[in-house]
N, C-alpha and C. Protein backbone atom coordinates (compact mmCIF):
# COMPACT_ATOMS: atom_id res chain seq x y z
N MET A 1 147.68 91.18 119.65
CA MET A 1 148.06 92.35 118.89
C MET A 1 148.15 92.02 117.39
N LEU A 2 148.71 90.85 117.12
CA LEU A 2 148.85 90.42 115.73
C LEU A 2 147.47 90.22 115.10
N GLY A 3 146.54 89.64 115.85
CA GLY A 3 145.18 89.42 115.36
C GLY A 3 144.48 90.74 115.05
N ALA A 4 144.67 91.73 115.91
CA ALA A 4 144.05 93.04 115.67
C ALA A 4 144.64 93.69 114.42
N ALA A 5 145.93 93.51 114.20
CA ALA A 5 146.57 94.08 113.02
C ALA A 5 146.05 93.40 111.75
N VAL A 6 145.87 92.10 111.79
CA VAL A 6 145.36 91.36 110.64
C VAL A 6 143.92 91.79 110.35
N ILE A 7 143.10 91.89 111.39
CA ILE A 7 141.71 92.32 111.21
C ILE A 7 141.65 93.74 110.67
N ALA A 8 142.50 94.64 111.18
CA ALA A 8 142.54 96.02 110.69
C ALA A 8 142.97 96.06 109.23
N TYR A 9 143.96 95.25 108.87
CA TYR A 9 144.45 95.21 107.49
C TYR A 9 143.35 94.77 106.53
N PHE A 10 142.72 93.65 106.83
CA PHE A 10 141.67 93.14 105.95
C PHE A 10 140.42 94.03 105.99
N GLY A 11 140.14 94.62 107.13
CA GLY A 11 139.01 95.54 107.23
C GLY A 11 139.22 96.77 106.37
N TYR A 12 140.42 97.32 106.40
CA TYR A 12 140.73 98.49 105.58
C TYR A 12 140.56 98.17 104.10
N HIS A 13 141.13 97.04 103.67
CA HIS A 13 141.07 96.68 102.26
C HIS A 13 139.66 96.23 101.83
N ALA A 14 138.87 95.78 102.76
CA ALA A 14 137.48 95.43 102.44
C ALA A 14 136.67 96.68 102.10
N VAL A 15 137.05 97.81 102.65
CA VAL A 15 136.35 99.06 102.38
C VAL A 15 137.03 99.84 101.26
N HIS A 16 138.34 100.01 101.32
CA HIS A 16 139.06 100.90 100.42
C HIS A 16 139.78 100.18 99.29
N GLY A 17 139.82 98.90 99.29
CA GLY A 17 140.55 98.16 98.26
C GLY A 17 139.90 98.22 96.90
N GLU A 18 140.63 97.70 95.91
CA GLU A 18 140.13 97.72 94.53
C GLU A 18 138.81 96.97 94.41
N ARG A 19 138.65 95.90 95.16
CA ARG A 19 137.43 95.11 95.12
C ARG A 19 136.60 95.29 96.40
N GLY A 20 136.84 96.39 97.09
CA GLY A 20 136.12 96.68 98.31
C GLY A 20 134.80 97.39 98.04
N ILE A 21 134.23 97.93 99.10
CA ILE A 21 132.93 98.58 99.01
C ILE A 21 132.99 99.82 98.12
N GLU A 22 134.04 100.63 98.27
CA GLU A 22 134.17 101.82 97.43
C GLU A 22 134.32 101.44 95.96
N GLY A 23 135.08 100.42 95.68
CA GLY A 23 135.24 99.93 94.31
C GLY A 23 133.92 99.42 93.75
N TRP A 24 133.13 98.79 94.58
CA TRP A 24 131.83 98.28 94.15
C TRP A 24 130.91 99.43 93.75
N PHE A 25 130.89 100.49 94.57
CA PHE A 25 130.07 101.65 94.24
C PHE A 25 130.55 102.33 92.95
N ARG A 26 131.86 102.42 92.78
CA ARG A 26 132.43 103.03 91.58
C ARG A 26 132.04 102.21 90.34
N LEU A 27 132.17 100.90 90.42
CA LEU A 27 131.81 100.05 89.30
C LEU A 27 130.31 100.07 89.03
N SER A 28 129.50 100.20 90.07
CA SER A 28 128.05 100.30 89.87
C SER A 28 127.70 101.57 89.10
N GLY A 29 128.36 102.67 89.42
CA GLY A 29 128.13 103.92 88.69
C GLY A 29 128.56 103.82 87.24
N GLN A 30 129.71 103.18 86.99
CA GLN A 30 130.17 103.00 85.62
C GLN A 30 129.21 102.11 84.84
N LEU A 31 128.72 101.06 85.48
CA LEU A 31 127.79 100.15 84.83
C LEU A 31 126.50 100.88 84.44
N GLU A 32 126.02 101.72 85.32
CA GLU A 32 124.80 102.49 85.06
C GLU A 32 124.99 103.43 83.86
N SER A 33 126.12 104.12 83.82
CA SER A 33 126.36 105.04 82.70
C SER A 33 126.55 104.27 81.39
N LEU A 34 127.18 103.11 81.45
CA LEU A 34 127.36 102.31 80.24
C LEU A 34 126.04 101.73 79.75
N GLU A 35 125.14 101.39 80.66
CA GLU A 35 123.83 100.89 80.25
C GLU A 35 123.02 102.00 79.58
N LYS A 36 123.14 103.24 80.08
CA LYS A 36 122.46 104.36 79.43
C LYS A 36 123.01 104.58 78.03
N ARG A 37 124.34 104.53 77.91
CA ARG A 37 124.96 104.71 76.61
C ARG A 37 124.55 103.59 75.64
N GLN A 38 124.42 102.38 76.16
CA GLN A 38 124.00 101.25 75.32
C GLN A 38 122.58 101.47 74.81
N ALA A 39 121.71 101.98 75.66
CA ALA A 39 120.33 102.25 75.24
C ALA A 39 120.28 103.32 74.16
N ILE A 40 121.09 104.36 74.31
CA ILE A 40 121.15 105.43 73.30
C ILE A 40 121.67 104.87 71.98
N ASN A 41 122.73 104.07 72.06
CA ASN A 41 123.29 103.49 70.83
C ASN A 41 122.33 102.52 70.18
N ALA A 42 121.57 101.77 70.98
CA ALA A 42 120.59 100.84 70.41
C ALA A 42 119.51 101.60 69.65
N SER A 43 119.08 102.74 70.18
CA SER A 43 118.06 103.52 69.47
C SER A 43 118.63 104.12 68.19
N ARG A 44 119.90 104.55 68.23
CA ARG A 44 120.53 105.06 67.01
C ARG A 44 120.66 103.96 65.96
N ILE A 45 121.05 102.78 66.38
CA ILE A 45 121.19 101.66 65.46
C ILE A 45 119.85 101.32 64.84
N ALA A 46 118.80 101.31 65.65
CA ALA A 46 117.46 101.01 65.12
C ALA A 46 117.04 102.05 64.08
N THR A 47 117.32 103.32 64.34
CA THR A 47 116.99 104.37 63.39
C THR A 47 117.75 104.19 62.09
N LEU A 48 119.05 103.90 62.20
CA LEU A 48 119.85 103.71 61.00
C LEU A 48 119.42 102.47 60.22
N GLU A 49 119.09 101.40 60.94
CA GLU A 49 118.62 100.18 60.26
C GLU A 49 117.32 100.44 59.51
N LYS A 50 116.45 101.27 60.09
CA LYS A 50 115.19 101.60 59.43
C LYS A 50 115.46 102.39 58.15
N ARG A 51 116.38 103.36 58.22
CA ARG A 51 116.71 104.16 57.03
C ARG A 51 117.37 103.31 55.96
N VAL A 52 118.25 102.39 56.37
CA VAL A 52 118.88 101.50 55.40
C VAL A 52 117.84 100.58 54.78
N GLY A 53 116.90 100.13 55.59
CA GLY A 53 115.83 99.28 55.08
C GLY A 53 115.01 99.97 54.01
N LEU A 54 114.85 101.29 54.13
CA LEU A 54 114.11 102.05 53.12
C LEU A 54 114.87 102.17 51.81
N LEU A 55 116.17 101.95 51.85
CA LEU A 55 116.98 102.04 50.64
C LEU A 55 117.18 100.69 49.96
N ARG A 56 116.65 99.63 50.53
CA ARG A 56 116.75 98.31 49.90
C ARG A 56 115.88 98.28 48.65
N GLU A 57 116.26 97.43 47.72
CA GLU A 57 115.59 97.39 46.43
C GLU A 57 114.11 97.03 46.56
N GLU A 58 113.78 96.12 47.48
CA GLU A 58 112.39 95.67 47.63
C GLU A 58 111.49 96.78 48.18
N THR A 59 112.02 97.61 49.04
CA THR A 59 111.22 98.63 49.71
C THR A 59 111.79 100.02 49.46
N LEU A 60 112.24 100.27 48.26
CA LEU A 60 112.91 101.52 47.95
C LEU A 60 111.96 102.71 48.09
N ASP A 61 112.36 103.64 48.93
CA ASP A 61 111.61 104.88 49.11
C ASP A 61 112.27 105.93 48.22
N ARG A 62 111.58 106.30 47.15
CA ARG A 62 112.17 107.20 46.17
C ARG A 62 112.48 108.58 46.74
N ASP A 63 111.69 109.04 47.69
CA ASP A 63 111.95 110.34 48.31
C ASP A 63 113.25 110.31 49.11
N LEU A 64 113.46 109.23 49.86
CA LEU A 64 114.69 109.12 50.64
C LEU A 64 115.89 108.98 49.72
N LEU A 65 115.74 108.22 48.64
CA LEU A 65 116.83 108.08 47.68
C LEU A 65 117.17 109.43 47.06
N ASP A 66 116.16 110.19 46.71
CA ASP A 66 116.37 111.52 46.15
C ASP A 66 117.06 112.44 47.15
N GLU A 67 116.61 112.38 48.39
CA GLU A 67 117.20 113.21 49.45
C GLU A 67 118.68 112.89 49.64
N ARG A 68 119.02 111.62 49.71
CA ARG A 68 120.40 111.21 49.92
C ARG A 68 121.27 111.56 48.72
N ALA A 69 120.74 111.33 47.50
CA ALA A 69 121.51 111.65 46.30
C ALA A 69 121.81 113.14 46.24
N ARG A 70 120.83 113.96 46.57
CA ARG A 70 121.04 115.42 46.55
C ARG A 70 122.05 115.84 47.62
N ALA A 71 121.97 115.22 48.80
CA ALA A 71 122.89 115.58 49.89
C ALA A 71 124.32 115.17 49.56
N VAL A 72 124.48 113.98 49.01
CA VAL A 72 125.83 113.48 48.73
C VAL A 72 126.43 114.17 47.51
N LEU A 73 125.65 114.32 46.47
CA LEU A 73 126.16 114.88 45.22
C LEU A 73 126.06 116.40 45.16
N GLY A 74 125.26 116.99 46.05
CA GLY A 74 125.10 118.44 46.06
C GLY A 74 124.27 118.94 44.89
N LEU A 75 123.30 118.16 44.49
CA LEU A 75 122.47 118.53 43.34
C LEU A 75 121.20 119.24 43.78
N ALA A 76 120.68 120.08 42.88
CA ALA A 76 119.41 120.75 43.11
C ALA A 76 118.82 121.10 41.75
N GLN A 77 117.50 121.24 41.71
CA GLN A 77 116.82 121.67 40.49
C GLN A 77 116.99 123.17 40.34
N PRO A 78 116.96 123.68 39.13
CA PRO A 78 117.15 125.12 38.92
C PRO A 78 116.09 125.99 39.60
N ASP A 79 114.88 125.46 39.78
CA ASP A 79 113.81 126.27 40.36
C ASP A 79 113.68 126.08 41.87
N GLU A 80 114.60 125.38 42.51
CA GLU A 80 114.53 125.14 43.94
C GLU A 80 115.27 126.21 44.72
N ILE A 81 114.79 126.48 45.91
CA ILE A 81 115.46 127.41 46.81
C ILE A 81 116.26 126.59 47.80
N ILE A 82 117.51 126.92 47.96
CA ILE A 82 118.40 126.17 48.83
C ILE A 82 118.61 126.96 50.12
N ILE A 83 118.36 126.32 51.25
CA ILE A 83 118.58 126.93 52.56
C ILE A 83 119.76 126.20 53.18
N LEU A 84 120.85 126.91 53.38
CA LEU A 84 122.05 126.30 53.93
C LEU A 84 121.96 126.26 55.46
N GLY A 85 122.27 125.12 56.02
CA GLY A 85 122.30 124.97 57.47
C GLY A 85 123.69 125.21 57.99
N ARG A 86 123.98 124.68 59.12
CA ARG A 86 125.27 124.79 59.80
C ARG A 86 126.36 125.07 58.86
């Protein structure tokens, strides 16, 4: 009887415990979602690094510099038409 109780106890925790089968499936799902988020963040970082690279002195893109200066300072030429977004 004692052996059956011990086997039932460990069997239950092997399935329902924190490190059991259900926990393994839960952690697998979390890992999958975190890997997707990491891929999204990696693409965002690559995009930002490319834009920052265009603002470096050696490879300065004058159009991007003009765009950023206008966005940050709110400047426009008198003959330009301004279309406001959001």
